[in-house]
PDB file of all heavy atoms in Angstrom:
ATOM      1  N   THR A   1      86.295  96.020  84.784  1.00  0.00           N
ATOM      2  CA  THR A   1      85.404  96.260  83.619  1.00  0.00           C
ATOM      3  C   THR A   1      84.092  95.981  83.935  1.00  0.00           C
ATOM      4  O   THR A   1      83.710  95.354  85.075  1.00  0.00           O
ATOM      5  CB  THR A   1      85.894  95.413  82.405  1.00  0.00           C
ATOM      6  OG1 THR A   1      85.701  94.048  82.795  1.00  0.00           O
ATOM      7  CG2 THR A   1      87.296  95.596  81.916  1.00  0.00           C
ATOM      8  N   VAL A   2      82.990  96.232  83.174  1.00  0.00           N
ATOM      9  CA  VAL A   2      81.720  95.831  83.326  1.00  0.00           C
ATOM     10  C   VAL A   2      81.524  94.387  83.547  1.00  0.00           C
ATOM     11  O   VAL A   2      80.942  93.885  84.543  1.00  0.00           O
ATOM     12  CB  VAL A   2      80.821  96.385  82.222  1.00  0.00           C
ATOM     13  CG1 VAL A   2      79.384  95.781  82.308  1.00  0.00           C
ATOM     14  CG2 VAL A   2      80.843  97.850  82.052  1.00  0.00           C
ATOM     15  N   SER A   3      82.176  93.518  82.703  1.00  0.00           N
ATOM     16  CA  SER A   3      82.020  92.060  82.858  1.00  0.00           C
ATOM     17  C   SER A   3      82.705  91.500  84.108  1.00  0.00           C
ATOM     18  O   SER A   3      82.205  90.589  84.768  1.00  0.00           O
ATOM     19  CB  SER A   3      82.405  91.430  81.585  1.00  0.00           C
ATOM     20  OG  SER A   3      83.829  91.610  81.376  1.00  0.00           O
ATOM     21  N   GLU A   4      83.863  92.203  84.539  1.00  0.00           N
ATOM     22  CA  GLU A   4      84.524  91.833  85.802  1.00  0.00           C
ATOM     23  C   GLU A   4      83.679  92.155  86.997  1.00  0.00           C
ATOM     24  O   GLU A   4      83.473  91.290  87.906  1.00  0.00           O
ATOM     25  CB  GLU A   4      85.874  92.360  85.894  1.00  0.00           C
ATOM     26  CG  GLU A   4      86.824  91.872  84.912  1.00  0.00           C
ATOM     27  CD  GLU A   4      88.062  92.703  84.687  1.00  0.00           C
ATOM     28  OE1 GLU A   4      88.095  93.877  84.927  1.00  0.00           O
ATOM     29  OE2 GLU A   4      89.050  92.061  84.121  1.00  0.00           O
ATOM     30  N   VAL A   5      83.007  93.310  87.012  1.00  0.00           N
ATOM     31  CA  VAL A   5      82.084  93.557  88.196  1.00  0.00           C
ATOM     32  C   VAL A   5      80.846  92.698  88.198  1.00  0.00           C
ATOM     33  O   VAL A   5      80.457  92.160  89.197  1.00  0.00           O
ATOM     34  CB  VAL A   5      81.610  95.090  87.940  1.00  0.00           C
ATOM     35  CG1 VAL A   5      80.544  95.402  89.008  1.00  0.00           C
ATOM     36  CG2 VAL A   5      82.854  95.971  88.115  1.00  0.00           C
ATOM     37  N   ALA A   6      80.404  92.305  87.097  1.00  0.00           N
ATOM     38  CA  ALA A   6      79.298  91.128  86.868  1.00  0.00           C
ATOM     39  C   ALA A   6      79.707  89.881  87.543  1.00  0.00           C
ATOM     40  O   ALA A   6      79.016  89.238  88.245  1.00  0.00           O
ATOM     41  CB  ALA A   6      78.808  91.025  85.478  1.00  0.00           C
ATOM     42  N   SER A   7      81.023  89.502  87.318  1.00  0.00           N
ATOM     43  CA  SER A   7      81.475  88.169  87.912  1.00  0.00           C
ATOM     44  C   SER A   7      81.631  88.327  89.398  1.00  0.00           C
ATOM     45  O   SER A   7      81.177  87.560  90.071  1.00  0.00           O
ATOM     46  CB  SER A   7      82.923  88.002  87.350  1.00  0.00           C
ATOM     47  OG  SER A   7      82.900  87.608  86.053  1.00  0.00           O
ATOM     48  N   ILE A   8      81.997  89.485  89.915  1.00  0.00           N
ATOM     49  CA  ILE A   8      82.127  89.766  91.233  1.00  0.00           C
ATOM     50  C   ILE A   8      80.658  89.719  91.968  1.00  0.00           C
ATOM     51  O   ILE A   8      80.500  89.080  92.968  1.00  0.00           O
ATOM     52  CB  ILE A   8      82.813  91.124  91.605  1.00  0.00           C
ATOM     53  CG1 ILE A   8      84.129  91.082  91.230  1.00  0.00           C
ATOM     54  CG2 ILE A   8      82.544  91.603  93.139  1.00  0.00           C
ATOM     55  CD1 ILE A   8      85.111  89.995  92.063  1.00  0.00           C
ATOM     56  N   ALA A   9      79.742  90.307  91.233  1.00  0.00           N
ATOM     57  CA  ALA A   9      78.360  90.233  91.659  1.00  0.00           C
ATOM     58  C   ALA A   9      77.853  88.792  91.838  1.00  0.00           C
ATOM     59  O   ALA A   9      77.014  88.587  92.746  1.00  0.00           O
ATOM     60  CB  ALA A   9      77.377  91.017  90.728  1.00  0.00           C
ATOM     61  N   ARG A  10      78.281  87.932  90.897  1.00  0.00           N
ATOM     62  CA  ARG A  10      77.812  86.497  91.077  1.00  0.00           C
ATOM     63  C   ARG A  10      78.689  85.660  92.135  1.00  0.00           C
ATOM     64  O   ARG A  10      78.439  84.542  92.309  1.00  0.00           O
ATOM     65  CB  ARG A  10      78.062  85.792  89.653  1.00  0.00           C
ATOM     66  CG  ARG A  10      77.134  86.267  88.634  1.00  0.00           C
ATOM     67  CD  ARG A  10      77.231  85.442  87.362  1.00  0.00           C
ATOM     68  NE  ARG A  10      78.613  85.169  86.827  1.00  0.00           N
ATOM     69  CZ  ARG A  10      79.217  86.130  85.966  1.00  0.00           C
ATOM     70  NH1 ARG A  10      78.506  87.154  85.586  1.00  0.00           N
ATOM     71  NH2 ARG A  10      80.477  85.719  85.625  1.00  0.00           N
ATOM     72  N   GLY A  11      79.699  86.387  92.748  1.00  0.00           N
ATOM     73  CA  GLY A  11      80.526  85.772  93.783  1.00  0.00           C
ATOM     74  C   GLY A  11      81.800  85.081  93.204  1.00  0.00           C
ATOM     75  O   GLY A  11      82.423  84.466  93.965  1.00  0.00           O
ATOM     76  N   ALA A  12      82.012  85.182  91.923  1.00  0.00           N
ATOM     77  CA  ALA A  12      83.104  84.650  91.293  1.00  0.00           C
ATOM     78  C   ALA A  12      84.292  85.462  91.431  1.00  0.00           C
ATOM     79  O   ALA A  12      84.129  86.713  91.455  1.00  0.00           O
ATOM     80  CB  ALA A  12      82.800  84.396  89.772  1.00  0.00           C
ATOM     81  N   ALA A  13      85.513  84.880  91.348  1.00  0.00           N
ATOM     82  CA  ALA A  13      86.698  85.655  91.347  1.00  0.00           C
ATOM     83  C   ALA A  13      87.152  86.156  90.114  1.00  0.00           C
ATOM     84  O   ALA A  13      86.719  85.690  88.949  1.00  0.00           O
ATOM     85  CB  ALA A  13      87.840  84.569  91.956  1.00  0.00           C
ATOM     86  N   VAL A  14      87.922  87.289  90.060  1.00  0.00           N
ATOM     87  CA  VAL A  14      88.439  87.894  88.830  1.00  0.00           C
ATOM     88  C   VAL A  14      89.892  87.810  88.968  1.00  0.00           C
ATOM     89  O   VAL A  14      90.392  88.177  90.020  1.00  0.00           O
ATOM     90  CB  VAL A  14      88.027  89.309  88.646  1.00  0.00           C
ATOM     91  CG1 VAL A  14      88.650  89.928  87.481  1.00  0.00           C
ATOM     92  CG2 VAL A  14      86.390  89.490  88.582  1.00  0.00           C
ATOM     93  N   GLU A  15      90.633  87.185  88.013  1.00  0.00           N
ATOM     94  CA  GLU A  15      92.144  87.109  88.072  1.00  0.00           C
ATOM     95  C   GLU A  15      92.751  87.556  86.792  1.00  0.00           C
ATOM     96  O   GLU A  15      92.178  87.481  85.698  1.00  0.00           O
ATOM     97  CB  GLU A  15      92.357  85.591  88.296  1.00  0.00           C
ATOM     98  CG  GLU A  15      91.728  84.908  89.573  1.00  0.00           C
ATOM     99  CD  GLU A  15      92.178  83.627  89.815  1.00  0.00           C
ATOM    100  OE1 GLU A  15      93.336  83.344  89.787  1.00  0.00           O
ATOM    101  OE2 GLU A  15      91.279  82.719  89.820  1.00  0.00           O
ATOM    102  N   SER A  16      93.867  88.085  87.063  1.00  0.00           N
ATOM    103  CA  SER A  16      94.810  88.576  85.816  1.00  0.00           C
ATOM    104  C   SER A  16      96.272  88.230  86.086  1.00  0.00           C
ATOM    105  O   SER A  16      96.638  87.689  87.205  1.00  0.00           O
ATOM    106  CB  SER A  16      94.726  90.111  85.767  1.00  0.00           C
ATOM    107  OG  SER A  16      93.424  90.435  85.284  1.00  0.00           O
ATOM    108  N   ARG A  17      96.967  88.375  85.093  1.00  0.00           N
ATOM    109  CA  ARG A  17      98.476  87.972  85.224  1.00  0.00           C
ATOM    110  C   ARG A  17      99.163  88.856  84.330  1.00  0.00           C
ATOM    111  O   ARG A  17      98.868  89.242  83.220  1.00  0.00           O
ATOM    112  CB  ARG A  17      98.506  86.500  84.592  1.00  0.00           C
ATOM    113  CG  ARG A  17      99.956  85.980  84.263  1.00  0.00           C
ATOM    114  CD  ARG A  17      99.918  84.527  83.896  1.00  0.00           C
ATOM    115  NE  ARG A  17      99.689  83.820  85.155  1.00  0.00           N
ATOM    116  CZ  ARG A  17      99.309  82.505  85.196  1.00  0.00           C
ATOM    117  NH1 ARG A  17      99.054  81.909  84.122  1.00  0.00           N
ATOM    118  NH2 ARG A  17      99.147  81.944  86.318  1.00  0.00           N
ATOM    119  N   THR A  18     100.384  89.172  84.821  1.00  0.00           N
ATOM    120  CA  THR A  18     101.411  90.031  84.009  1.00  0.00           C
ATOM    121  C   THR A  18     102.743  89.083  84.102  1.00  0.00           C
ATOM    122  O   THR A  18     103.225  88.640  85.036  1.00  0.00           O
ATOM    123  CB  THR A  18     101.698  91.211  84.803  1.00  0.00           C
ATOM    124  OG1 THR A  18     100.536  92.044  84.915  1.00  0.00           O
ATOM    125  CG2 THR A  18     102.730  92.074  83.918  1.00  0.00           C
ATOM    126  N   ARG A  19     103.133  88.813  82.830  1.00  0.00           N
ATOM    127  CA  ARG A  19     104.271  87.932  82.624  1.00  0.00           C
ATOM    128  C   ARG A  19     105.652  88.795  82.423  1.00  0.00           C
ATOM    129  O   ARG A  19     105.475  89.597  81.609  1.00  0.00           O
ATOM    130  CB  ARG A  19     104.064  86.997  81.367  1.00  0.00           C
ATOM    131  CG  ARG A  19     102.843  86.100  81.624  1.00  0.00           C
ATOM    132  CD  ARG A  19     102.601  85.148  80.459  1.00  0.00           C
ATOM    133  NE  ARG A  19     102.276  85.992  79.266  1.00  0.00           N
ATOM    134  CZ  ARG A  19     102.368  85.498  78.072  1.00  0.00           C
ATOM    135  NH1 ARG A  19     102.730  84.310  77.743  1.00  0.00           N
ATOM    136  NH2 ARG A  19     102.204  86.279  77.076  1.00  0.00           N
ATOM    137  N   PHE A  20     106.586  88.394  83.031  1.00  0.00           N
ATOM    138  CA  PHE A  20     107.841  88.855  82.962  1.00  0.00           C
ATOM    139  C   PHE A  20     108.807  87.832  82.341  1.00  0.00           C
ATOM    140  O   PHE A  20     108.459  86.718  82.382  1.00  0.00           O
ATOM    141  CB  PHE A  20     108.459  89.389  84.297  1.00  0.00           C
ATOM    142  CG  PHE A  20     107.662  90.541  84.824  1.00  0.00           C
ATOM    143  CD1 PHE A  20     106.619  90.260  85.626  1.00  0.00           C
ATOM    144  CD2 PHE A  20     107.981  91.788  84.684  1.00  0.00           C
ATOM    145  CE1 PHE A  20     105.818  91.260  86.317  1.00  0.00           C
ATOM    146  CE2 PHE A  20     107.294  92.902  85.255  1.00  0.00           C
ATOM    147  CZ  PHE A  20     106.187  92.604  86.024  1.00  0.00           C
ATOM    148  N   PRO A  21     109.818  88.281  81.798  1.00  0.00           N
ATOM    149  CA  PRO A  21     110.901  87.182  81.279  1.00  0.00           C
ATOM    150  C   PRO A  21     111.311  86.043  82.156  1.00  0.00           C
ATOM    151  O   PRO A  21     111.411  84.778  81.881  1.00  0.00           O
ATOM    152  CB  PRO A  21     112.119  87.946  80.877  1.00  0.00           C
ATOM    153  CG  PRO A  21     111.635  89.425  80.573  1.00  0.00           C
ATOM    154  CD  PRO A  21     110.528  89.569  81.581  1.00  0.00           C
ATOM    155  N   SER A  22     111.337  86.483  83.603  1.00  0.00           N
ATOM    156  CA  SER A  22     111.805  85.433  84.416  1.00  0.00           C
ATOM    157  C   SER A  22     110.743  85.005  85.570  1.00  0.00           C
ATOM    158  O   SER A  22     111.009  84.103  86.381  1.00  0.00           O
ATOM    159  CB  SER A  22     112.955  85.894  85.321  1.00  0.00           C
ATOM    160  OG  SER A  22     112.636  87.163  85.912  1.00  0.00           O
ATOM    161  N   ALA A  23     109.563  85.676  85.522  1.00  0.00           N
ATOM    162  CA  ALA A  23     108.612  85.358  86.534  1.00  0.00           C
ATOM    163  C   ALA A  23     107.231  85.765  86.193  1.00  0.00           C
ATOM    164  O   ALA A  23     107.013  86.533  85.073  1.00  0.00           O
ATOM    165  CB  ALA A  23     108.901  85.983  87.795  1.00  0.00           C
ATOM    166  N   THR A  24     106.209  85.505  86.838  1.00  0.00           N
ATOM    167  CA  THR A  24     104.796  85.946  86.487  1.00  0.00           C
ATOM    168  C   THR A  24     104.235  86.554  87.831  1.00  0.00           C
ATOM    169  O   THR A  24     104.398  85.896  88.944  1.00  0.00           O
ATOM    170  CB  THR A  24     104.045  84.609  86.070  1.00  0.00           C
ATOM    171  OG1 THR A  24     104.424  84.101  84.866  1.00  0.00           O
ATOM    172  CG2 THR A  24     102.487  85.220  85.789  1.00  0.00           C
ATOM    173  N   LEU A  25     103.499  87.528  87.604  1.00  0.00           N
ATOM    174  CA  LEU A  25     102.804  88.202  88.822  1.00  0.00           C
ATOM    175  C   LEU A  25     101.378  87.998  88.527  1.00  0.00           C
ATOM    176  O   LEU A  25     100.713  88.361  87.564  1.00  0.00           O
ATOM    177  CB  LEU A  25     103.123  89.657  88.914  1.00  0.00           C
ATOM    178  CG  LEU A  25     102.262  90.511  90.066  1.00  0.00           C
ATOM    179  CD1 LEU A  25     102.552  89.974  91.333  1.00  0.00           C
ATOM    180  CD2 LEU A  25     102.521  91.942  89.787  1.00  0.00           C
ATOM    181  N   ASP A  26     100.657  87.263  89.421  1.00  0.00           N
ATOM    182  CA  ASP A  26      99.227  87.113  89.475  1.00  0.00           C
ATOM    183  C   ASP A  26      98.546  87.915  90.415  1.00  0.00           C
ATOM    184  O   ASP A  26      99.149  88.207  91.500  1.00  0.00           O
ATOM    185  CB  ASP A  26      98.923  85.491  89.775  1.00  0.00           C
ATOM    186  CG  ASP A  26      99.505  84.617  88.845  1.00  0.00           C
ATOM    187  OD1 ASP A  26      99.241  84.937  87.518  1.00  0.00           O
ATOM    188  OD2 ASP A  26     100.017  83.626  89.209  1.00  0.00           O
ATOM    189  N   TYR A  27      97.445  88.477  89.994  1.00  0.00           N
ATOM    190  CA  TYR A  27      96.570  89.163  90.951  1.00  0.00           C
ATOM    191  C   TYR A  27      95.102  88.861  90.881  1.00  0.00           C
ATOM    192  O   TYR A  27      94.600  88.554  89.771  1.00  0.00           O
ATOM    193  CB  TYR A  27      96.850  90.731  90.864  1.00  0.00           C
ATOM    194  CG  TYR A  27      96.860  91.339  89.438  1.00  0.00           C
ATOM    195  CD1 TYR A  27      95.749  92.183  89.005  1.00  0.00           C
ATOM    196  CD2 TYR A  27      97.917  91.229  88.603  1.00  0.00           C
ATOM    197  CE1 TYR A  27      95.750  92.665  87.724  1.00  0.00           C
ATOM    198  CE2 TYR A  27      97.899  91.772  87.315  1.00  0.00           C
ATOM    199  CZ  TYR A  27      96.866  92.512  86.913  1.00  0.00           C
ATOM    200  OH  TYR A  27      96.914  93.019  85.758  1.00  0.00           O
ATOM    201  N   ALA A  28      94.355  88.802  91.907  1.00  0.00           N
ATOM    202  CA  ALA A  28      93.057  88.391  91.966  1.00  0.00           C
ATOM    203  C   ALA A  28      92.227  89.118  92.886  1.00  0.00           C
ATOM    204  O   ALA A  28      92.701  89.645  93.952  1.00  0.00           O
ATOM    205  CB  ALA A  28      92.997  86.862  92.295  1.00  0.00           C
ATOM    206  N   LEU A  29      90.922  89.238  92.634  1.00  0.00           N
ATOM    207  CA  LEU A  29      89.912  89.728  93.546  1.00  0.00           C
ATOM    208  C   LEU A  29      88.968  88.724  93.821  1.00  0.00           C
ATOM    209  O   LEU A  29      88.366  88.194  92.867  1.00  0.00           O
ATOM    210  CB  LEU A  29      89.278  91.063  92.830  1.00  0.00           C
ATOM    211  CG  LEU A  29      88.247  91.647  93.531  1.00  0.00           C
ATOM    212  CD1 LEU A  29      88.935  92.362  94.866  1.00  0.00           C
ATOM    213  CD2 LEU A  29      87.633  92.756  92.789  1.00  0.00           C
ATOM    214  N   TRP A  30      88.766  88.374  95.061  1.00  0.00           N
ATOM    215  CA  TRP A  30      87.886  87.340  95.546  1.00  0.00           C
ATOM    216  C   TRP A  30      86.740  87.853  96.372  1.00  0.00           C
ATOM    217  O   TRP A  30      86.774  89.005  96.820  1.00  0.00           O
ATOM    218  CB  TRP A  30      88.695  86.430  96.424  1.00  0.00           C
ATOM    219  CG  TRP A  30      89.761  85.687  95.703  1.00  0.00           C
ATOM    220  CD1 TRP A  30      91.041  86.197  95.711  1.00  0.00           C
ATOM    221  CD2 TRP A  30      89.797  84.382  95.219  1.00  0.00           C
ATOM    222  NE1 TRP A  30      91.826  85.237  94.972  1.00  0.00           N
ATOM    223  CE2 TRP A  30      91.045  84.089  94.760  1.00  0.00           C
ATOM    224  CE3 TRP A  30      88.747  83.436  95.114  1.00  0.00           C
ATOM    225  CZ2 TRP A  30      91.416  83.013  93.964  1.00  0.00           C
ATOM    226  CZ3 TRP A  30      89.147  82.217  94.471  1.00  0.00           C
ATOM    227  CH2 TRP A  30      90.401  82.165  93.921  1.00  0.00           C
ATOM    228  N   VAL A  31      85.644  87.125  96.374  1.00  0.00           N
ATOM    229  CA  VAL A  31      84.484  87.588  97.215  1.00  0.00           C
ATOM    230  C   VAL A  31      84.433  86.349  98.129  1.00  0.00           C
ATOM    231  O   VAL A  31      84.465  85.315  97.864  1.00  0.00           O
ATOM    232  CB  VAL A  31      83.247  87.620  96.390  1.00  0.00           C
ATOM    233  CG1 VAL A  31      81.986  87.868  97.322  1.00  0.00           C
ATOM    234  CG2 VAL A  31      83.274  88.616  95.380  1.00  0.00           C
ATOM    235  N   ALA A  32      84.205  86.824  99.554  1.00  0.00           N
ATOM    236  CA  ALA A  32      84.104  85.749 100.657  1.00  0.00           C
ATOM    237  C   ALA A  32      83.407  86.210 101.730  1.00  0.00           C
ATOM    238  O   ALA A  32      83.056  87.413 101.900  1.00  0.00           O
ATOM    239  CB  ALA A  32      85.621  85.219 100.942  1.00  0.00           C
ATOM    240  N   ASP A  33      83.149  85.410 102.605  1.00  0.00           N
ATOM    241  CA  ASP A  33      82.399  85.782 103.944  1.00  0.00           C
ATOM    242  C   ASP A  33      83.437  86.218 104.803  1.00  0.00           C
ATOM    243  O   ASP A  33      83.888  85.432 105.766  1.00  0.00           O
ATOM    244  CB  ASP A  33      81.574  84.519 104.493  1.00  0.00           C
ATOM    245  CG  ASP A  33      80.437  84.212 103.526  1.00  0.00           C
ATOM    246  OD1 ASP A  33      79.862  85.053 103.056  1.00  0.00           O
ATOM    247  OD2 ASP A  33      80.279  82.970 103.300  1.00  0.00           O
ATOM    248  N   VAL A  34      83.880  87.439 104.649  1.00  0.00           N
ATOM    249  CA  VAL A  34      84.942  88.122 105.483  1.00  0.00           C
ATOM    250  C   VAL A  34      84.335  89.432 105.970  1.00  0.00           C
ATOM    251  O   VAL A  34      83.480  90.025 105.343  1.00  0.00           O
ATOM    252  CB  VAL A  34      86.201  88.296 104.717  1.00  0.00           C
ATOM    253  CG1 VAL A  34      86.821  86.911 104.435  1.00  0.00           C
ATOM    254  CG2 VAL A  34      86.074  89.096 103.518  1.00  0.00           C
ATOM    255  N   PRO A  35      84.945  89.945 107.025  1.00  0.00           N
ATOM    256  CA  PRO A  35      84.280  91.155 107.667  1.00  0.00           C
ATOM    257  C   PRO A  35      84.734  92.448 106.983  1.00  0.00           C
ATOM    258  O   PRO A  35      84.123  93.455 106.977  1.00  0.00           O
ATOM    259  CB  PRO A  35      84.707  91.124 109.112  1.00  0.00           C
ATOM    260  CG  PRO A  35      85.966  90.329 109.214  1.00  0.00           C
ATOM    261  CD  PRO A  35      85.753  89.295 108.114  1.00  0.00           C
ATOM    262  N   HIS A  36      85.997  92.497 106.426  1.00  0.00           N
ATOM    263  CA  HIS A  36      86.568  93.632 105.845  1.00  0.00           C
ATOM    264  C   HIS A  36      87.251  93.417 104.602  1.00  0.00           C
ATOM    265  O   HIS A  36      87.726  92.181 104.287  1.00  0.00           O
ATOM    266  CB  HIS A  36      87.584  94.304 106.843  1.00  0.00           C
ATOM    267  CG  HIS A  36      87.027  94.433 108.096  1.00  0.00           C
ATOM    268  ND1 HIS A  36      86.175  95.543 108.401  1.00  0.00           N
ATOM    269  CD2 HIS A  36      87.189  93.791 109.480  1.00  0.00           C
ATOM    270  CE1 HIS A  36      85.862  95.431 109.773  1.00  0.00           C
ATOM    271  NE2 HIS A  36      86.538  94.442 110.342  1.00  0.00           N
ATOM    272  N   ILE A  37      87.599  94.378 103.670  1.00  0.00           N
ATOM    273  CA  ILE A  37      88.344  94.264 102.486  1.00  0.00           C
ATOM    274  C   ILE A  37      89.788  93.996 103.005  1.00  0.00           C
ATOM    275  O   ILE A  37      90.256  94.698 103.988  1.00  0.00           O
ATOM    276  CB  ILE A  37      88.388  95.578 101.780  1.00  0.00           C
ATOM    277  CG1 ILE A  37      86.896  95.830 101.175  1.00  0.00           C
ATOM    278  CG2 ILE A  37      89.385  95.671 100.594  1.00  0.00           C
ATOM    279  CD1 ILE A  37      86.885  97.233 100.438  1.00  0.00           C
ATOM    280  N   ALA A  38      90.497  92.967 102.421  1.00  0.00           N
ATOM    281  CA  ALA A  38      91.875  92.653 102.832  1.00  0.00           C
ATOM    282  C   ALA A  38      92.682  92.137 101.640  1.00  0.00           C
ATOM    283  O   ALA A  38      92.139  91.887 100.638  1.00  0.00           O
ATOM    284  CB  ALA A  38      91.701  91.556 103.907  1.00  0.00           C
ATOM    285  N   ALA A  39      93.875  92.344 101.797  1.00  0.00           N
ATOM    286  CA  ALA A  39      94.918  91.999 100.833  1.00  0.00           C
ATOM    287  C   ALA A  39      96.038  91.188 101.334  1.00  0.00           C
ATOM    288  O   ALA A  39      96.433  91.254 102.615  1.00  0.00           O
ATOM    289  CB  ALA A  39      95.568  93.284 100.206  1.00  0.00           C
ATOM    290  N   ARG A  40      96.446  90.355 100.671  1.00  0.00           N
ATOM    291  CA  ARG A  40      97.763  89.584 100.953  1.00  0.00           C
ATOM    292  C   ARG A  40      98.570  89.308  99.736  1.00  0.00           C
ATOM    293  O   ARG A  40      98.121  89.352  98.622  1.00  0.00           O
ATOM    294  CB  ARG A  40      97.364  88.243 101.591  1.00  0.00           C
ATOM    295  CG  ARG A  40      96.707  87.250 100.761  1.00  0.00           C
ATOM    296  CD  ARG A  40      96.474  85.888 101.441  1.00  0.00           C
ATOM    297  NE  ARG A  40      96.014  84.899 100.626  1.00  0.00           N
ATOM    298  CZ  ARG A  40      94.713  84.745 100.023  1.00  0.00           C
ATOM    299  NH1 ARG A  40      93.846  85.598 100.444  1.00  0.00           N
ATOM    300  NH2 ARG A  40      94.436  83.774  99.202  1.00  0.00           N
ATOM    301  N   PHE A  41      99.845  88.973  99.940  1.00  0.00           N
ATOM    302  CA  PHE A  41     100.913  88.743  98.905  1.00  0.00           C
ATOM    303  C   PHE A  41     101.717  87.593  99.313  1.00  0.00           C
ATOM    304  O   PHE A  41     102.261  87.559 100.438  1.00  0.00           O
ATOM    305  CB  PHE A  41     101.709  89.972  98.657  1.00  0.00           C
ATOM    306  CG  PHE A  41     102.748  89.794  97.660  1.00  0.00           C
ATOM    307  CD1 PHE A  41     102.415  89.713  96.249  1.00  0.00           C
ATOM    308  CD2 PHE A  41     104.087  89.611  97.957  1.00  0.00           C
ATOM    309  CE1 PHE A  41     103.390  89.546  95.401  1.00  0.00           C
ATOM    310  CE2 PHE A  41     105.025  89.438  97.135  1.00  0.00           C
ATOM    311  CZ  PHE A  41     104.754  89.414  95.799  1.00  0.00           C
ATOM    312  N   ASP A  42     101.677  86.656  98.529  1.00  0.00           N
ATOM    313  CA  ASP A  42     102.648  85.581  98.694  1.00  0.00           C
ATOM    314  C   ASP A  42     102.814  84.708  97.479  1.00  0.00           C
ATOM    315  O   ASP A  42     101.892  84.715  96.568  1.00  0.00           O
ATOM    316  CB  ASP A  42     102.118  84.529  99.823  1.00  0.00           C
ATOM    317  CG  ASP A  42     100.686  84.215  99.966  1.00  0.00           C
ATOM    318  OD1 ASP A  42     100.085  83.791  99.042  1.00  0.00           O
ATOM    319  OD2 ASP A  42     100.252  84.621 100.989  1.00  0.00           O
ATOM    320  N   ALA A  43     103.977  84.189  97.135  1.00  0.00           N
ATOM    321  CA  ALA A  43     104.272  83.414  96.068  1.00  0.00           C
ATOM    322  C   ALA A  43     104.022  84.121  94.713  1.00  0.00           C
ATOM    323  O   ALA A  43     103.345  83.554  93.869  1.00  0.00           O
ATOM    324  CB  ALA A  43     103.550  82.099  96.046  1.00  0.00           C
ATOM    325  N   ALA A  44     104.360  85.397  94.644  1.00  0.00           N
ATOM    326  CA  ALA A  44     104.090  86.240  93.463  1.00  0.00           C
ATOM    327  C   ALA A  44     102.604  86.345  92.991  1.00  0.00           C
ATOM    328  O   ALA A  44     102.355  86.445  91.910  1.00  0.00           O
ATOM    329  CB  ALA A  44     104.963  85.700  92.280  1.00  0.00           C
TER     330      ALA A  44
END
């Protein structure tokens, strides 16, 4: 969204969560001093 892009512009992370009956899936977008866009998945 517009406000989430504004957070990214400030260098802040944007995080969301989807809840299931038995577990939760978290997903986040971070800004860091890294050379490339990258993804990882661990611990849901």
